[in-house]
N, C-alpha and C. Protein backbone atom coordinates (compact mmCIF):
# COMPACT_ATOMS: atom_id res chain seq x y z
N MET A 1 155.46 107.56 65.40
CA MET A 1 154.93 106.39 64.71
C MET A 1 155.16 105.12 65.53
N ASN A 2 156.35 105.01 66.13
CA ASN A 2 156.63 103.82 66.93
C ASN A 2 155.73 103.74 68.16
N ALA A 3 155.40 104.87 68.74
CA ALA A 3 154.54 104.87 69.92
C ALA A 3 153.14 104.38 69.58
N ILE A 4 152.64 104.77 68.42
CA ILE A 4 151.31 104.32 67.99
C ILE A 4 151.32 102.82 67.73
N LEU A 5 152.34 102.35 67.03
CA LEU A 5 152.45 100.91 66.74
C LEU A 5 152.62 100.12 68.02
N TYR A 6 153.42 100.61 68.94
CA TYR A 6 153.61 99.98 70.24
C TYR A 6 152.28 99.85 70.98
N THR A 7 151.50 100.92 70.99
CA THR A 7 150.22 100.92 71.68
C THR A 7 149.24 99.95 71.04
N ILE A 8 149.19 99.93 69.72
CA ILE A 8 148.27 99.03 69.02
C ILE A 8 148.62 97.57 69.30
N ILE A 9 149.90 97.23 69.22
CA ILE A 9 150.31 95.84 69.46
C ILE A 9 150.07 95.47 70.91
N ASN A 10 150.41 96.34 71.83
CA ASN A 10 150.21 96.07 73.25
C ASN A 10 148.73 95.87 73.56
N ASN A 11 147.87 96.73 73.05
CA ASN A 11 146.43 96.62 73.31
C ASN A 11 145.83 95.37 72.68
N THR A 12 146.34 94.98 71.51
CA THR A 12 145.84 93.76 70.86
C THR A 12 146.15 92.53 71.70
N PHE A 13 147.37 92.43 72.18
CA PHE A 13 147.73 91.29 73.03
C PHE A 13 146.97 91.30 74.34
N GLN A 14 146.74 92.48 74.91
CA GLN A 14 145.97 92.56 76.15
C GLN A 14 144.51 92.15 75.92
N LEU A 15 143.97 92.52 74.76
CA LEU A 15 142.60 92.13 74.43
C LEU A 15 142.49 90.61 74.32
N ILE A 16 143.46 89.99 73.69
CA ILE A 16 143.44 88.52 73.56
C ILE A 16 143.52 87.88 74.94
N GLN A 17 144.37 88.41 75.81
CA GLN A 17 144.47 87.87 77.16
C GLN A 17 143.16 88.05 77.93
N MET A 18 142.51 89.19 77.77
CA MET A 18 141.23 89.41 78.45
C MET A 18 140.16 88.45 77.93
N LEU A 19 140.16 88.19 76.63
CA LEU A 19 139.18 87.25 76.08
C LEU A 19 139.42 85.83 76.59
N VAL A 20 140.68 85.44 76.75
CA VAL A 20 140.98 84.12 77.32
C VAL A 20 140.50 84.08 78.77
N MET A 21 140.70 85.15 79.51
CA MET A 21 140.24 85.20 80.90
C MET A 21 138.72 85.14 80.98
N ILE A 22 138.04 85.82 80.08
CA ILE A 22 136.57 85.76 80.05
C ILE A 22 136.12 84.34 79.76
N ARG A 23 136.81 83.67 78.85
CA ARG A 23 136.44 82.28 78.55
C ARG A 23 136.65 81.38 79.76
N VAL A 24 137.71 81.60 80.50
CA VAL A 24 137.94 80.81 81.72
C VAL A 24 136.82 81.06 82.72
N LEU A 25 136.45 82.32 82.90
CA LEU A 25 135.37 82.64 83.83
C LEU A 25 134.03 82.06 83.36
N LEU A 26 133.81 82.04 82.05
CA LEU A 26 132.58 81.46 81.52
C LEU A 26 132.50 79.95 81.76
N SER A 27 133.65 79.31 81.87
CA SER A 27 133.63 77.86 82.12
C SER A 27 133.20 77.55 83.54
N TRP A 28 133.21 78.53 84.42
CA TRP A 28 132.82 78.31 85.81
C TRP A 28 131.36 78.63 86.08
N ILE A 29 130.71 79.33 85.19
CA ILE A 29 129.31 79.71 85.41
C ILE A 29 128.44 79.16 84.29
N PRO A 30 127.18 78.88 84.58
CA PRO A 30 126.29 78.43 83.50
C PRO A 30 126.01 79.58 82.52
N HIS A 31 126.04 79.25 81.24
CA HIS A 31 125.80 80.26 80.22
C HIS A 31 125.20 79.59 78.99
N ASP A 32 124.68 80.41 78.11
CA ASP A 32 124.11 79.92 76.86
C ASP A 32 125.21 79.86 75.81
N PRO A 33 125.67 78.66 75.42
CA PRO A 33 126.77 78.56 74.45
C PRO A 33 126.36 79.01 73.05
N TYR A 34 125.07 79.20 72.82
CA TYR A 34 124.60 79.60 71.50
C TYR A 34 124.41 81.12 71.37
N SER A 35 124.73 81.84 72.43
CA SER A 35 124.69 83.30 72.38
C SER A 35 125.76 83.78 71.40
N GLN A 36 125.44 84.79 70.62
CA GLN A 36 126.40 85.28 69.62
C GLN A 36 127.65 85.83 70.27
N PHE A 37 127.52 86.51 71.39
CA PHE A 37 128.67 87.07 72.10
C PHE A 37 129.59 85.97 72.60
N ILE A 38 129.02 84.96 73.24
CA ILE A 38 129.82 83.86 73.78
C ILE A 38 130.42 83.03 72.64
N TYR A 39 129.67 82.83 71.59
CA TYR A 39 130.18 82.10 70.43
C TYR A 39 131.38 82.83 69.82
N ALA A 40 131.31 84.15 69.75
CA ALA A 40 132.42 84.94 69.21
C ALA A 40 133.66 84.81 70.11
N ILE A 41 133.47 84.84 71.42
CA ILE A 41 134.59 84.67 72.34
C ILE A 41 135.22 83.30 72.16
N TYR A 42 134.39 82.26 72.04
CA TYR A 42 134.92 80.91 71.84
C TYR A 42 135.70 80.80 70.53
N ARG A 43 135.18 81.39 69.47
CA ARG A 43 135.86 81.31 68.17
C ARG A 43 137.20 82.04 68.18
N ILE A 44 137.24 83.20 68.82
CA ILE A 44 138.48 83.98 68.86
C ILE A 44 139.52 83.28 69.75
N THR A 45 139.09 82.80 70.89
CA THR A 45 140.05 82.18 71.80
C THR A 45 140.48 80.79 71.35
N ASP A 46 139.66 80.11 70.57
CA ASP A 46 140.05 78.80 70.05
C ASP A 46 141.26 78.90 69.13
N ILE A 47 141.44 80.04 68.48
CA ILE A 47 142.60 80.23 67.62
C ILE A 47 143.88 80.13 68.46
N VAL A 48 143.83 80.59 69.69
CA VAL A 48 145.00 80.55 70.57
C VAL A 48 145.05 79.24 71.34
N LEU A 49 143.92 78.78 71.85
CA LEU A 49 143.92 77.64 72.77
C LEU A 49 144.01 76.28 72.08
N GLN A 50 143.43 76.13 70.92
CA GLN A 50 143.39 74.82 70.28
C GLN A 50 144.77 74.27 69.93
N PRO A 51 145.69 75.05 69.37
CA PRO A 51 147.03 74.49 69.12
C PRO A 51 147.74 74.04 70.40
N ILE A 52 147.50 74.74 71.50
CA ILE A 52 148.10 74.35 72.78
C ILE A 52 147.49 73.04 73.24
N ARG A 53 146.18 72.89 73.11
CA ARG A 53 145.51 71.64 73.51
C ARG A 53 145.96 70.47 72.65
N ASP A 54 146.19 70.72 71.37
CA ASP A 54 146.67 69.65 70.50
C ASP A 54 148.09 69.23 70.86
N PHE A 55 148.89 70.18 71.33
CA PHE A 55 150.28 69.89 71.66
C PHE A 55 150.42 69.20 73.01
N LEU A 56 149.57 69.57 73.97
CA LEU A 56 149.65 68.99 75.31
C LEU A 56 149.12 67.57 75.34
N PRO A 57 149.81 66.68 76.04
CA PRO A 57 149.30 65.31 76.15
C PRO A 57 148.32 65.12 77.30
N LEU A 58 147.75 66.20 77.81
CA LEU A 58 146.87 66.13 78.98
C LEU A 58 145.39 66.16 78.60
N SER A 59 145.02 65.49 77.53
CA SER A 59 143.62 65.53 77.11
C SER A 59 142.69 64.78 78.07
N ASN A 60 143.23 63.86 78.85
CA ASN A 60 142.40 63.11 79.81
C ASN A 60 142.30 63.80 81.16
N SER A 61 143.00 64.89 81.33
CA SER A 61 143.00 65.60 82.60
C SER A 61 141.68 66.36 82.78
N ARG A 62 141.27 66.49 84.04
CA ARG A 62 140.05 67.23 84.33
C ARG A 62 140.29 68.73 84.33
N ILE A 63 141.54 69.14 84.44
CA ILE A 63 141.89 70.56 84.46
C ILE A 63 142.50 70.93 83.12
N ASP A 64 142.00 72.01 82.55
CA ASP A 64 142.51 72.49 81.27
C ASP A 64 143.62 73.51 81.54
N PHE A 65 144.85 73.14 81.24
CA PHE A 65 145.99 74.02 81.48
C PHE A 65 146.29 74.93 80.29
N SER A 66 145.55 74.79 79.20
CA SER A 66 145.85 75.58 78.01
C SER A 66 145.70 77.09 78.22
N PRO A 67 144.72 77.58 79.00
CA PRO A 67 144.67 79.03 79.22
C PRO A 67 145.88 79.56 79.99
N ILE A 68 146.40 78.79 80.93
CA ILE A 68 147.58 79.22 81.69
C ILE A 68 148.78 79.33 80.76
N ILE A 69 148.97 78.30 79.94
CA ILE A 69 150.08 78.31 78.99
C ILE A 69 149.89 79.42 77.97
N ALA A 70 148.65 79.64 77.55
CA ALA A 70 148.37 80.71 76.59
C ALA A 70 148.74 82.07 77.16
N PHE A 71 148.45 82.31 78.44
CA PHE A 71 148.81 83.58 79.06
C PHE A 71 150.32 83.80 79.00
N PHE A 72 151.08 82.77 79.34
CA PHE A 72 152.53 82.90 79.30
C PHE A 72 153.03 83.12 77.88
N LEU A 73 152.50 82.38 76.93
CA LEU A 73 152.95 82.52 75.54
C LEU A 73 152.57 83.87 74.95
N ILE A 74 151.36 84.33 75.23
CA ILE A 74 150.93 85.64 74.72
C ILE A 74 151.83 86.73 75.28
N ASP A 75 152.11 86.67 76.58
CA ASP A 75 152.97 87.67 77.19
C ASP A 75 154.40 87.58 76.65
N PHE A 76 154.89 86.37 76.44
CA PHE A 76 156.23 86.16 75.90
C PHE A 76 156.35 86.77 74.51
N PHE A 77 155.40 86.46 73.63
CA PHE A 77 155.44 86.99 72.27
C PHE A 77 155.24 88.51 72.25
N LYS A 78 154.40 88.99 73.16
CA LYS A 78 154.20 90.45 73.23
C LYS A 78 155.50 91.15 73.59
N LYS A 79 156.22 90.62 74.56
CA LYS A 79 157.48 91.24 74.97
C LYS A 79 158.51 91.18 73.85
N ILE A 80 158.57 90.06 73.15
CA ILE A 80 159.53 89.95 72.04
C ILE A 80 159.21 90.95 70.95
N ILE A 81 157.96 91.02 70.55
CA ILE A 81 157.57 91.94 69.47
C ILE A 81 157.77 93.38 69.88
N LEU A 82 157.44 93.72 71.12
CA LEU A 82 157.58 95.11 71.56
C LEU A 82 159.03 95.52 71.74
N THR A 83 159.91 94.58 72.04
CA THR A 83 161.33 94.95 72.13
C THR A 83 161.95 95.12 70.74
N ILE A 84 161.39 94.46 69.75
CA ILE A 84 161.91 94.61 68.39
C ILE A 84 161.55 95.98 67.84
N ILE A 85 160.40 96.50 68.22
CA ILE A 85 159.94 97.80 67.67
C ILE A 85 160.80 98.91 68.18
């Protein structure tokens, strides 16, 4: 049972990290922001990225550091949760 729960939690955190990476890559290429697929990625990743953007005082910066911080936080929380199991 613990192995199944471990796998589910690990895969969920990895999926979130992959979606954040896809969003970063989408910011570098032209795309249709009204596409349902891209809109879904933006909605899912905004749950993670928006609180970080609200917390950071770098709103005037040209570089968005929230995905980098999100990667570290997602990995940090994943390790904590997986060690508890």
